[in-house]
C-alpha atoms as a PDB file:
ATOM      1  CA  ALA A   1      76.135  97.653  91.078  1.00  0.00           C
ATOM      2  CA  CYS A   2      77.865  94.944  93.060  1.00  0.00           C
ATOM      3  CA  THR A   3      80.991  93.162  92.087  1.00  0.00           C
ATOM      4  CA  PHE A   4      82.750  89.969  93.276  1.00  0.00           C
ATOM      5  CA  CYS A   5      79.943  88.884  95.575  1.00  0.00           C
ATOM      6  CA  ASP A   6      77.244  86.342  96.062  1.00  0.00           C
ATOM      7  CA  PHE A   7      74.126  88.044  94.786  1.00  0.00           C
ATOM      8  CA  SER A   8      72.025  85.736  96.905  1.00  0.00           C
ATOM      9  CA  ALA A   9      73.718  87.078 100.039  1.00  0.00           C
ATOM     10  CA  PRO A  10      71.869  89.794 101.973  1.00  0.00           C
ATOM     11  CA  ILE A  11      74.860  92.080 101.970  1.00  0.00           C
ATOM     12  CA  CYS A  12      77.024  92.631  98.794  1.00  0.00           C
ATOM     13  CA  LYS A  13      80.708  92.915  99.226  1.00  0.00           C
ATOM     14  CA  VAL A  14      82.231  96.245  98.148  1.00  0.00           C
ATOM     15  CA  PRO A  15      85.453  95.624  96.146  1.00  0.00           C
ATOM     16  CA  VAL A  16      88.539  96.687  98.175  1.00  0.00           C
ATOM     17  CA  ALA A  17      92.188  96.759  97.164  1.00  0.00           C
ATOM     18  CA  ASP A  18      95.062  97.961  99.338  1.00  0.00           C
ATOM     19  CA  GLY A  19      98.829  97.965  99.649  1.00  0.00           C
ATOM     20  CA  GLY A  20     101.708  98.814 101.977  1.00  0.00           C
ATOM     21  CA  GLY A  21     104.769  97.516 103.709  1.00  0.00           C
ATOM     22  CA  ASP A  22     107.592  95.921 101.719  1.00  0.00           C
ATOM     23  CA  PRO A  23     105.431  96.424  99.259  1.00  0.00           C
ATOM     24  CA  HIS A  24     102.499  93.998  99.472  1.00  0.00           C
ATOM     25  CA  TYR A  25      99.116  94.401  97.813  1.00  0.00           C
ATOM     26  CA  LYS A  26      95.759  92.860  98.088  1.00  0.00           C
ATOM     27  CA  MET A  27      94.167  93.119  94.685  1.00  0.00           C
ATOM     28  CA  TYR A  28      90.575  93.831  93.846  1.00  0.00           C
ATOM     29  CA  PHE A  29      89.980  90.110  93.455  1.00  0.00           C
ATOM     30  CA  ASP A  30      91.522  89.341  96.930  1.00  0.00           C
ATOM     31  CA  GLN A  31      94.744  88.032  95.465  1.00  0.00           C
ATOM     32  CA  LEU A  32      97.847  88.828  97.733  1.00  0.00           C
ATOM     33  CA  VAL A  33     101.089  89.686  96.090  1.00  0.00           C
ATOM     34  CA  THR A  34     104.488  91.090  97.028  1.00  0.00           C
ATOM     35  CA  VAL A  35     106.474  93.098  94.485  1.00  0.00           C
ATOM     36  CA  GLN A  36     109.827  94.740  95.185  1.00  0.00           C
ATOM     37  CA  ALA A  37     109.905  96.967  92.144  1.00  0.00           C
ATOM     38  CA  LEU A  38     111.760 100.214  92.136  1.00  0.00           C
ATOM     39  CA  CYS A  39     109.636 102.400  89.729  1.00  0.00           C
ATOM     40  CA  ASP A  40     106.254 104.170  89.515  1.00  0.00           C
ATOM     41  CA  LEU A  41     103.152 101.991  89.069  1.00  0.00           C
ATOM     42  CA  ASN A  42      99.745 102.715  87.768  1.00  0.00           C
ATOM     43  CA  LEU A  43      97.638 101.184  90.536  1.00  0.00           C
ATOM     44  CA  MET A  44      94.207 102.167  89.261  1.00  0.00           C
ATOM     45  CA  SER A  45      92.521 104.275  86.572  1.00  0.00           C
ATOM     46  CA  SER A  46      88.936 104.781  85.841  1.00  0.00           C
ATOM     47  CA  ASP A  47      86.839 107.141  83.677  1.00  0.00           C
ATOM     48  CA  VAL A  48      84.497 107.920  86.638  1.00  0.00           C
ATOM     49  CA  TYR A  49      84.394 111.571  87.762  1.00  0.00           C
ATOM     50  CA  GLY A  50      86.066 112.740  84.664  1.00  0.00           C
ATOM     51  CA  GLY A  51      88.996 110.373  85.329  1.00  0.00           C
ATOM     52  CA  VAL A  52      90.403 108.994  88.567  1.00  0.00           C
ATOM     53  CA  GLU A  53      94.028 107.725  88.626  1.00  0.00           C
ATOM     54  CA  VAL A  54      96.099 106.365  91.508  1.00  0.00           C
ATOM     55  CA  HIS A  55      99.932 105.943  91.132  1.00  0.00           C
ATOM     56  CA  SER A  56     102.444 104.613  93.646  1.00  0.00           C
ATOM     57  CA  ARG A  57     106.168 105.216  93.736  1.00  0.00           C
ATOM     58  CA  HIS A  58     108.295 102.342  95.067  1.00  0.00           C
ATOM     59  CA  SER A  59     111.584 103.466  96.623  1.00  0.00           C
ATOM     60  CA  LEU A  60     114.337 102.391  99.006  1.00  0.00           C
ATOM     61  CA  PRO A  61     113.473 103.290 102.591  1.00  0.00           C
ATOM     62  CA  LEU A  62     114.085 106.796 103.895  1.00  0.00           C
ATOM     63  CA  LEU A  63     116.451 107.547 106.795  1.00  0.00           C
ATOM     64  CA  LYS A  64     118.099 104.117 106.759  1.00  0.00           C
ATOM     65  CA  LYS A  65     121.802 103.286 106.514  1.00  0.00           C
ATOM     66  CA  GLU A  66     122.793 101.871 103.182  1.00  0.00           C
ATOM     67  CA  GLU A  67     123.406  98.382 104.526  1.00  0.00           C
ATOM     68  CA  GLU A  68     119.934  98.380 106.022  1.00  0.00           C
ATOM     69  CA  LYS A  69     118.167  99.089 102.789  1.00  0.00           C
ATOM     70  CA  GLY A  70     117.364  95.426 102.005  1.00  0.00           C
ATOM     71  CA  TYR A  71     113.662  96.155 101.487  1.00  0.00           C
ATOM     72  CA  SER A  72     111.519  98.747  99.557  1.00  0.00           C
ATOM     73  CA  ILE A  73     108.586 100.893 100.472  1.00  0.00           C
ATOM     74  CA  ILE A  74     105.745 102.926  98.870  1.00  0.00           C
ATOM     75  CA  SER A  75     107.374 106.357  99.386  1.00  0.00           C
ATOM     76  CA  ASN A  76     104.801 108.410  97.420  1.00  0.00           C
ATOM     77  CA  LEU A  77     101.148 108.100  96.455  1.00  0.00           C
ATOM     78  CA  ALA A  78      99.376 110.358  93.903  1.00  0.00           C
ATOM     79  CA  LEU A  79      95.668 110.779  93.102  1.00  0.00           C
ATOM     80  CA  ARG A  80      94.360 112.715  90.126  1.00  0.00           C
ATOM     81  CA  ILE A  81      90.653 113.607  90.085  1.00  0.00           C
ATOM     82  CA  GLY A  82      88.996 115.057  86.964  1.00  0.00           C
ATOM     83  CA  GLY A  83      91.321 114.036  84.112  1.00  0.00           C
ATOM     84  CA  ASP A  84      94.042 116.010  82.416  1.00  0.00           C
ATOM     85  CA  THR A  85      93.107 119.322  84.058  1.00  0.00           C
ATOM     86  CA  GLY A  86      91.982 117.904  87.333  1.00  0.00           C
ATOM     87  CA  ALA A  87      93.329 118.150  90.842  1.00  0.00           C
ATOM     88  CA  VAL A  88      96.459 116.098  91.771  1.00  0.00           C
ATOM     89  CA  TRP A  89      97.015 115.108  95.383  1.00  0.00           C
ATOM     90  CA  GLU A  90     100.260 113.643  96.517  1.00  0.00           C
ATOM     91  CA  LEU A  91     101.214 112.128  99.833  1.00  0.00           C
ATOM     92  CA  ILE A  92     104.934 111.744 100.552  1.00  0.00           C
ATOM     93  CA  ALA A  93     106.190 109.484 103.266  1.00  0.00           C
ATOM     94  CA  ASP A  94     108.659 111.994 104.651  1.00  0.00           C
ATOM     95  CA  GLY A  95     106.324 113.827 107.108  1.00  0.00           C
ATOM     96  CA  PRO A  96     103.911 112.497 105.960  1.00  0.00           C
ATOM     97  CA  LYS A  97     102.988 115.588 103.895  1.00  0.00           C
ATOM     98  CA  LEU A  98     100.020 116.087 101.659  1.00  0.00           C
ATOM     99  CA  PHE A  99     100.320 118.261  98.478  1.00  0.00           C
ATOM    100  CA  LEU A 100      97.690 119.692  96.147  1.00  0.00           C
ATOM    101  CA  ASP A 101      98.970 120.480  92.649  1.00  0.00           C
ATOM    102  CA  GLY A 102     102.496 120.701  93.934  1.00  0.00           C
ATOM    103  CA  ILE A 103     101.760 122.979  96.905  1.00  0.00           C
ATOM    104  CA  GLU A 104     101.854 121.607 100.482  1.00  0.00           C
ATOM    105  CA  PHE A 105      98.347 121.366 101.740  1.00  0.00           C
ATOM    106  CA  ASP A 106      97.007 120.842 105.263  1.00  0.00           C
ATOM    107  CA  SER A 107      94.496 123.387 106.331  1.00  0.00           C
ATOM    108  CA  PHE A 108      92.848 120.905 108.678  1.00  0.00           C
ATOM    109  CA  LYS A 109      92.785 122.702 112.027  1.00  0.00           C
ATOM    110  CA  ASP A 110      92.880 119.700 114.348  1.00  0.00           C
ATOM    111  CA  ASP A 111      96.021 117.592 114.097  1.00  0.00           C
ATOM    112  CA  GLU A 112      94.915 115.236 116.867  1.00  0.00           C
ATOM    113  CA  GLY A 113      91.331 114.406 115.828  1.00  0.00           C
ATOM    114  CA  THR A 114      89.147 113.956 112.769  1.00  0.00           C
ATOM    115  CA  THR A 115      88.431 116.851 110.449  1.00  0.00           C
ATOM    116  CA  SER A 116      87.031 117.019 106.894  1.00  0.00           C
ATOM    117  CA  GLN A 117      86.643 119.430 103.944  1.00  0.00           C
ATOM    118  CA  ASN A 118      84.601 119.363 100.711  1.00  0.00           C
ATOM    119  CA  PHE A 119      86.177 119.995  97.262  1.00  0.00           C
ATOM    120  CA  SER A 120      85.141 120.044  93.615  1.00  0.00           C
ATOM    121  CA  THR A 121      86.800 119.973  90.208  1.00  0.00           C
ATOM    122  CA  THR A 122      85.533 120.337  86.702  1.00  0.00           C
ATOM    123  CA  SER A 123      86.074 117.959  83.742  1.00  0.00           C
ATOM    124  CA  PRO A 124      86.492 119.783  80.425  1.00  0.00           C
ATOM    125  CA  ASN A 125      86.587 116.516  78.533  1.00  0.00           C
ATOM    126  CA  HIS A 126      83.281 115.507  80.069  1.00  0.00           C
ATOM    127  CA  GLY A 127      81.187 118.547  79.386  1.00  0.00           C
ATOM    128  CA  ASN A 128      82.664 120.580  82.163  1.00  0.00           C
ATOM    129  CA  ALA A 129      80.942 118.315  84.612  1.00  0.00           C
ATOM    130  CA  MET A 130      81.432 119.239  88.349  1.00  0.00           C
ATOM    131  CA  ASN A 131      82.949 116.448  90.390  1.00  0.00           C
ATOM    132  CA  HIS A 132      82.433 116.751  94.148  1.00  0.00           C
ATOM    133  CA  TYR A 133      84.403 114.891  96.723  1.00  0.00           C
ATOM    134  CA  ALA A 134      85.352 115.202 100.401  1.00  0.00           C
ATOM    135  CA  ILE A 135      88.572 114.710 102.233  1.00  0.00           C
ATOM    136  CA  GLN A 136      88.707 113.549 105.872  1.00  0.00           C
ATOM    137  CA  LYS A 137      91.859 113.643 107.892  1.00  0.00           C
ATOM    138  CA  ARG A 138      92.278 111.263 110.787  1.00  0.00           C
ATOM    139  CA  VAL A 139      95.129 110.859 113.275  1.00  0.00           C
ATOM    140  CA  LYS A 140      95.330 107.261 114.430  1.00  0.00           C
ATOM    141  CA  GLY A 141      97.370 104.618 116.232  1.00  0.00           C
ATOM    142  CA  GLN A 142      98.342 104.051 119.806  1.00  0.00           C
ATOM    143  CA  ARG A 143     101.121 106.622 119.498  1.00  0.00           C
ATOM    144  CA  ARG A 144      99.086 108.955 117.235  1.00  0.00           C
ATOM    145  CA  ASN A 145     101.740 108.596 114.490  1.00  0.00           C
ATOM    146  CA  ILE A 146      99.373 107.409 111.696  1.00  0.00           C
ATOM    147  CA  ILE A 147      98.028 110.189 109.468  1.00  0.00           C
ATOM    148  CA  GLU A 148      95.118 109.155 107.218  1.00  0.00           C
ATOM    149  CA  TYR A 149      93.468 111.003 104.403  1.00  0.00           C
ATOM    150  CA  ILE A 150      90.167 109.639 103.107  1.00  0.00           C
ATOM    151  CA  PHE A 151      88.973 110.858  99.716  1.00  0.00           C
ATOM    152  CA  THR A 152      85.235 110.060  99.463  1.00  0.00           C
ATOM    153  CA  PHE A 153      83.190 110.431  96.217  1.00  0.00           C
ATOM    154  CA  ALA A 154      79.504 110.819  95.540  1.00  0.00           C
ATOM    155  CA  ASP A 155      78.867 107.084  95.164  1.00  0.00           C
ATOM    156  CA  HIS A 156      80.745 106.377  98.442  1.00  0.00           C
ATOM    157  CA  SER A 157      83.767 105.068  96.645  1.00  0.00           C
ATOM    158  CA  LYS A 158      86.954 105.987  98.466  1.00  0.00           C
ATOM    159  CA  VAL A 159      90.728 106.324  98.059  1.00  0.00           C
ATOM    160  CA  VAL A 160      92.614 106.234 101.351  1.00  0.00           C
ATOM    161  CA  PHE A 161      96.223 107.455 101.836  1.00  0.00           C
ATOM    162  CA  ARG A 162      98.078 106.773 105.034  1.00  0.00           C
ATOM    163  CA  GLY A 163     101.531 107.731 106.272  1.00  0.00           C
ATOM    164  CA  ASN A 164     103.424 107.224 109.618  1.00  0.00           C
ATOM    165  CA  ARG A 165     105.320 110.032 111.253  1.00  0.00           C
ATOM    166  CA  HIS A 166     107.772 107.635 112.755  1.00  0.00           C
ATOM    167  CA  PHE A 167     108.899 105.141 110.120  1.00  0.00           C
ATOM    168  CA  LYS A 168     108.264 107.043 106.899  1.00  0.00           C
ATOM    169  CA  MET A 169     106.120 104.624 104.844  1.00  0.00           C
ATOM    170  CA  THR A 170     102.837 105.123 103.078  1.00  0.00           C
ATOM    171  CA  PHE A 171      99.812 102.811 102.679  1.00  0.00           C
ATOM    172  CA  ILE A 172      96.987 102.835 100.154  1.00  0.00           C
ATOM    173  CA  ALA A 173      93.416 101.554 100.051  1.00  0.00           C
ATOM    174  CA  VAL A 174      90.803 101.844  97.366  1.00  0.00           C
ATOM    175  CA  HIS A 175      87.116 100.970  97.998  1.00  0.00           C
ATOM    176  CA  GLY A 176      84.314 100.659  95.456  1.00  0.00           C
ATOM    177  CA  PHE A 177      84.538 102.127  91.923  1.00  0.00           C
ATOM    178  CA  SER A 178      82.592  99.153  90.735  1.00  0.00           C
ATOM    179  CA  ARG A 179      80.057 101.062  88.584  1.00  0.00           C
ATOM    180  CA  GLN A 180      82.733 102.060  86.004  1.00  0.00           C
ATOM    181  CA  SER A 181      85.536 100.356  84.224  1.00  0.00           C
ATOM    182  CA  VAL A 182      88.660 100.040  86.331  1.00  0.00           C
ATOM    183  CA  GLU A 183      92.073  98.851  85.380  1.00  0.00           C
ATOM    184  CA  GLY A 184      95.578  98.895  86.678  1.00  0.00           C
ATOM    185  CA  PHE A 185      98.013  96.972  88.805  1.00  0.00           C
ATOM    186  CA  LEU A 186      95.282  96.484  91.500  1.00  0.00           C
ATOM    187  CA  GLY A 187      93.171  94.544  88.989  1.00  0.00           C
ATOM    188  CA  ARG A 188      89.644  95.060  87.659  1.00  0.00           C
ATOM    189  CA  THR A 189      86.332  95.302  89.435  1.00  0.00           C
ATOM    190  CA  ASP A 190      84.446  93.270  86.908  1.00  0.00           C
ATOM    191  CA  LYS A 191      86.701  90.326  86.325  1.00  0.00           C
ATOM    192  CA  ARG A 192      89.164  88.229  88.352  1.00  0.00           C
ATOM    193  CA  GLY A 193      92.727  87.847  87.102  1.00  0.00           C
ATOM    194  CA  PHE A 194      95.937  89.585  86.045  1.00  0.00           C
ATOM    195  CA  PHE A 195      95.041  91.637  82.972  1.00  0.00           C
ATOM    196  CA  ASP A 196      97.312  93.640  80.743  1.00  0.00           C
ATOM    197  CA  ARG A 197      96.490  97.090  79.253  1.00  0.00           C
ATOM    198  CA  GLU A 198      94.658  95.518  76.350  1.00  0.00           C
ATOM    199  CA  GLY A 199      92.343  93.413  78.652  1.00  0.00           C
ATOM    200  CA  ASN A 200      94.218  90.125  78.088  1.00  0.00           C
ATOM    201  CA  ASN A 201      94.546  87.670  80.992  1.00  0.00           C
ATOM    202  CA  MET A 202      98.325  87.369  81.398  1.00  0.00           C
ATOM    203  CA  THR A 203      98.115  83.953  83.112  1.00  0.00           C
ATOM    204  CA  SER A 204      96.211  82.235  80.264  1.00  0.00           C
ATOM    205  CA  ASN A 205      97.849  79.636  78.077  1.00  0.00           C
ATOM    206  CA  THR A 206      96.902  81.631  75.006  1.00  0.00           C
ATOM    207  CA  TYR A 207      98.556  84.773  76.233  1.00  0.00           C
ATOM    208  CA  LEU A 208     101.739  82.938  77.400  1.00  0.00           C
ATOM    209  CA  ARG A 209     102.097  81.201  73.993  1.00  0.00           C
ATOM    210  CA  ARG A 210     101.480  84.422  72.090  1.00  0.00           C
ATOM    211  CA  THR A 211     104.000  86.356  74.133  1.00  0.00           C
ATOM    212  CA  LYS A 212     106.519  83.394  74.230  1.00  0.00           C
ATOM    213  CA  ASN A 213     106.650  83.380  77.922  1.00  0.00           C
ATOM    214  CA  SER A 214     106.900  80.058  79.788  1.00  0.00           C
ATOM    215  CA  LYS A 215     105.439  81.441  83.037  1.00  0.00           C
ATOM    216  CA  PHE A 216     103.648  84.467  84.435  1.00  0.00           C
ATOM    217  CA  SER A 217     105.342  86.305  87.310  1.00  0.00           C
ATOM    218  CA  ILE A 218     104.458  89.293  89.454  1.00  0.00           C
ATOM    219  CA  GLU A 219     107.498  91.034  88.026  1.00  0.00           C
ATOM    220  CA  LYS A 220     106.096  90.838  84.511  1.00  0.00           C
ATOM    221  CA  PHE A 221     102.813  92.164  85.804  1.00  0.00           C
ATOM    222  CA  ALA A 222     104.416  95.095  87.538  1.00  0.00           C
ATOM    223  CA  GLN A 223     106.331  95.895  84.384  1.00  0.00           C
ATOM    224  CA  GLU A 224     103.101  95.880  82.435  1.00  0.00           C
ATOM    225  CA  TRP A 225     101.653  98.496  84.817  1.00  0.00           C
ATOM    226  CA  GLN A 226     104.721 100.692  85.185  1.00  0.00           C
ATOM    227  CA  VAL A 227     103.692 104.312  84.488  1.00  0.00           C
ATOM    228  CA  GLY A 228     104.379 104.605  80.775  1.00  0.00           C
ATOM    229  CA  ILE A 229     105.946 107.392  78.678  1.00  0.00           C
ATOM    230  CA  ASP A 230     102.484 108.243  77.266  1.00  0.00           C
ATOM    231  CA  GLU A 231     100.978 108.583  80.767  1.00  0.00           C
ATOM    232  CA  PRO A 232     101.109 111.629  82.955  1.00  0.00           C
ATOM    233  CA  ASN A 233     103.744 111.746  85.712  1.00  0.00           C
ATOM    234  CA  LEU A 234     101.507 112.664  88.700  1.00  0.00           C
ATOM    235  CA  PHE A 235     104.458 113.113  91.129  1.00  0.00           C
ATOM    236  CA  MET A 236     106.058 116.454  91.773  1.00  0.00           C
ATOM    237  CA  ASN A 237     109.660 115.309  91.571  1.00  0.00           C
ATOM    238  CA  LYS A 238     111.327 113.000  89.140  1.00  0.00           C
ATOM    239  CA  SER A 239     112.130 109.626  90.575  1.00  0.00           C
ATOM    240  CA  GLU A 240     115.721 108.595  91.284  1.00  0.00           C
ATOM    241  CA  TYR A 241     114.605 105.142  90.200  1.00  0.00           C
ATOM    242  CA  PRO A 242     113.778 103.869  86.672  1.00  0.00           C
ATOM    243  CA  ILE A 243     111.121 105.736  84.712  1.00  0.00           C
ATOM    244  CA  ALA A 244     109.764 104.685  81.368  1.00  0.00           C
ATOM    245  CA  PRO A 245     111.091 103.757  78.843  1.00  0.00           C
ATOM    246  CA  GLN A 246     113.644 102.350  81.268  1.00  0.00           C
ATOM    247  CA  GLN A 247     112.179  99.310  82.888  1.00  0.00           C
ATOM    248  CA  CYS A 248     111.607  98.697  86.607  1.00  0.00           C
ATOM    249  CA  SER A 249     114.365  97.279  88.659  1.00  0.00           C
ATOM    250  CA  PHE A 250     113.647  94.588  91.322  1.00  0.00           C
ATOM    251  CA  LEU A 251     115.352  94.279  94.745  1.00  0.00           C
ATOM    252  CA  ALA A 252     114.249  90.640  95.113  1.00  0.00           C
ATOM    253  CA  LYS A 253     111.847  88.146  93.652  1.00  0.00           C
ATOM    254  CA  GLY A 254     108.260  88.846  94.614  1.00  0.00           C
ATOM    255  CA  SER A 255     105.442  86.368  95.355  1.00  0.00           C
ATOM    256  CA  ILE A 256     101.874  85.473  94.541  1.00  0.00           C
ATOM    257  CA  GLU A 257     100.179  83.973  97.508  1.00  0.00           C
ATOM    258  CA  GLY A 258      97.705  81.105  97.350  1.00  0.00           C
ATOM    259  CA  LEU A 259      97.345  80.948  93.486  1.00  0.00           C
ATOM    260  CA  VAL A 260      96.013  77.506  92.628  1.00  0.00           C
ATOM    261  CA  ASP A 261      97.007  77.303  89.011  1.00  0.00           C
ATOM    262  CA  SER A 262     100.702  77.387  89.539  1.00  0.00           C
ATOM    263  CA  ASP A 263     101.732  75.302  86.455  1.00  0.00           C
ATOM    264  CA  HIS A 264     101.824  78.451  84.356  1.00  0.00           C
ATOM    265  CA  VAL A 265     102.615  80.872  87.198  1.00  0.00           C
ATOM    266  CA  ASP A 266     105.894  81.621  88.988  1.00  0.00           C
ATOM    267  CA  THR A 267     104.522  82.121  92.539  1.00  0.00           C
ATOM    268  CA  GLY A 268     107.879  83.262  93.892  1.00  0.00           C
ATOM    269  CA  ASN A 269     109.162  83.160  97.473  1.00  0.00           C
ATOM    270  CA  HIS A 270     105.818  83.601  99.346  1.00  0.00           C
ATOM    271  CA  SER A 271     107.332  86.292 101.514  1.00  0.00           C
ATOM    272  CA  ASN A 272     109.217  83.797 103.680  1.00  0.00           C
ATOM    273  CA  MET A 273     109.961  85.744 106.882  1.00  0.00           C
ATOM    274  CA  MET A 274     112.995  83.545 107.569  1.00  0.00           C
ATOM    275  CA  ASP A 275     114.672  84.076 104.158  1.00  0.00           C
ATOM    276  CA  VAL A 276     117.995  85.358 105.427  1.00  0.00           C
ATOM    277  CA  SER A 277     119.365  86.061 101.941  1.00  0.00           C
ATOM    278  CA  ARG A 278     116.430  88.284 101.053  1.00  0.00           C
ATOM    279  CA  ARG A 279     116.372  90.173 104.322  1.00  0.00           C
ATOM    280  CA  ARG A 280     120.022  90.528 105.080  1.00  0.00           C
ATOM    281  CA  LEU A 281     119.263  89.940 108.778  1.00  0.00           C
ATOM    282  CA  SER A 282     121.962  90.593 111.325  1.00  0.00           C
ATOM    283  CA  GLU A 283     123.038  88.297 114.134  1.00  0.00           C
ATOM    284  CA  MET A 284     119.897  89.527 115.967  1.00  0.00           C
ATOM    285  CA  ASP A 285     117.702  87.250 113.802  1.00  0.00           C
ATOM    286  CA  GLU A 286     116.058  85.436 116.726  1.00  0.00           C
ATOM    287  CA  ALA A 287     115.357  88.650 118.680  1.00  0.00           C
ATOM    288  CA  ALA A 288     113.917  90.254 115.503  1.00  0.00           C
ATOM    289  CA  VAL A 289     111.554  87.343 114.927  1.00  0.00           C
ATOM    290  CA  VAL A 290     110.426  87.362 118.574  1.00  0.00           C
ATOM    291  CA  MET A 291     109.791  91.075 118.317  1.00  0.00           C
ATOM    292  CA  ALA A 292     107.813  90.606 115.074  1.00  0.00           C
ATOM    293  CA  MET A 293     105.714  87.733 116.451  1.00  0.00           C
ATOM    294  CA  GLU A 294     104.801  89.825 119.530  1.00  0.00           C
ATOM    295  CA  ALA A 295     104.077  92.972 117.495  1.00  0.00           C
ATOM    296  CA  CYS A 296     101.781  91.065 115.091  1.00  0.00           C
ATOM    297  CA  GLY A 297     100.331  88.892 117.795  1.00  0.00           C
ATOM    298  CA  HIS A 298      96.945  90.703 117.705  1.00  0.00           C
ATOM    299  CA  LEU A 299      96.340  89.406 114.252  1.00  0.00           C
ATOM    300  CA  SER A 300      94.576  86.037 113.812  1.00  0.00           C
ATOM    301  CA  ASP A 301      96.578  83.111 112.527  1.00  0.00           C
ATOM    302  CA  ASP A 302      93.837  82.689 109.876  1.00  0.00           C
ATOM    303  CA  ASN A 303      94.673  86.222 108.615  1.00  0.00           C
ATOM    304  CA  PRO A 304      96.711  85.836 105.374  1.00  0.00           C
ATOM    305  CA  LYS A 305      98.307  89.158 105.965  1.00  0.00           C
ATOM    306  CA  LYS A 306      99.792  88.178 109.268  1.00  0.00           C
ATOM    307  CA  LYS A 307     102.987  86.910 107.603  1.00  0.00           C
ATOM    308  CA  PHE A 308     103.225  90.166 105.721  1.00  0.00           C
ATOM    309  CA  CYS A 309     103.136  91.954 109.126  1.00  0.00           C
ATOM    310  CA  ILE A 310     105.796  89.648 110.595  1.00  0.00           C
ATOM    311  CA  ASP A 311     107.951  90.051 107.465  1.00  0.00           C
ATOM    312  CA  ASP A 312     107.687  93.788 107.484  1.00  0.00           C
ATOM    313  CA  VAL A 313     108.487  94.189 111.174  1.00  0.00           C
ATOM    314  CA  ILE A 314     111.636  92.103 110.673  1.00  0.00           C
ATOM    315  CA  ALA A 315     112.697  93.948 107.589  1.00  0.00           C
ATOM    316  CA  THR A 316     112.143  97.402 109.046  1.00  0.00           C
ATOM    317  CA  ASN A 317     113.055  96.632 112.707  1.00  0.00           C
ATOM    318  CA  GLU A 318     110.030  98.714 113.569  1.00  0.00           C
ATOM    319  CA  ALA A 319     107.384  97.071 115.755  1.00  0.00           C
ATOM    320  CA  GLU A 320     105.022 100.020 115.148  1.00  0.00           C
ATOM    321  CA  VAL A 321     104.560  98.884 111.496  1.00  0.00           C
ATOM    322  CA  ALA A 322     102.283  96.211 112.865  1.00  0.00           C
ATOM    323  CA  LEU A 323      99.735  98.819 114.013  1.00  0.00           C
ATOM    324  CA  ASP A 324      98.714  99.836 110.571  1.00  0.00           C
ATOM    325  CA  SER A 325      95.250  98.702 109.497  1.00  0.00           C
ATOM    326  CA  PHE A 326      96.572  97.320 106.196  1.00  0.00           C
ATOM    327  CA  TYR A 327      97.456  94.066 107.991  1.00  0.00           C
ATOM    328  CA  GLU A 328      93.875  93.601 109.239  1.00  0.00           C
ATOM    329  CA  GLU A 329      91.633  91.426 107.079  1.00  0.00           C
END
């Protein structure tokens, strides 16, 4: 089944959503957003393979001085396959390190190439069905600092976790899953829009009137998809940041890029790379901007993620951030 594509076209587009940086996301319906929430988010959940869930943990950056923590990162990613009794994989930025059910896992023999292994898990709630998937590990980047784990399922849907040994930040990509219902912060594969947990479009006039909100914002959407008290905590360690029922806290106002219907939508700051108040830049502003422009120079000016790249290099003061494939279209 194809989703979000022109069915008259010879090749159907596979739905893709991804995220990374300070944190930015491209949703399933190609909407770009920035959300500086400090909490755990339910990025995606589906009933396929007995249940597939992806959560992200937003945190302040690791290994930074307190005065340099003017941005946030995705510090942890978790993937559960097979429902309540399934396998839970977690990637933490510090390393990066991969864990399986709370135990550090990396039996891949080659740390400098590409290796893979096959796995399976049963789903008691789905007739003890056996779910097969493969994990491929790749070491990437000009400096070989990018560690990537690709989880591939039988229908070729994928969940991709990436971390960087140098600057301690994780990135996420989800490909496919269009044959089953999908919901979460990354959106749905069957409809375009910002939907709540009951399937209501949160930007519609009807929804805003019913909830007595004057405008929709990315902060309200993130709050909707914060991991709730009735959802499993897939991460090994309790977060030092808000967990339900305590609501997410926000470092700064986020943004929704390129949304046409802005009358009922607070589109935010649009990730302005020169916003000094948001970035707390030092007297080296000009040098930081020059470095960021050079680091992201390989990206086309038509690439909407280029300003995310520039913004993140300035925020982190790490030119190597620009090498991650998240910023490519």
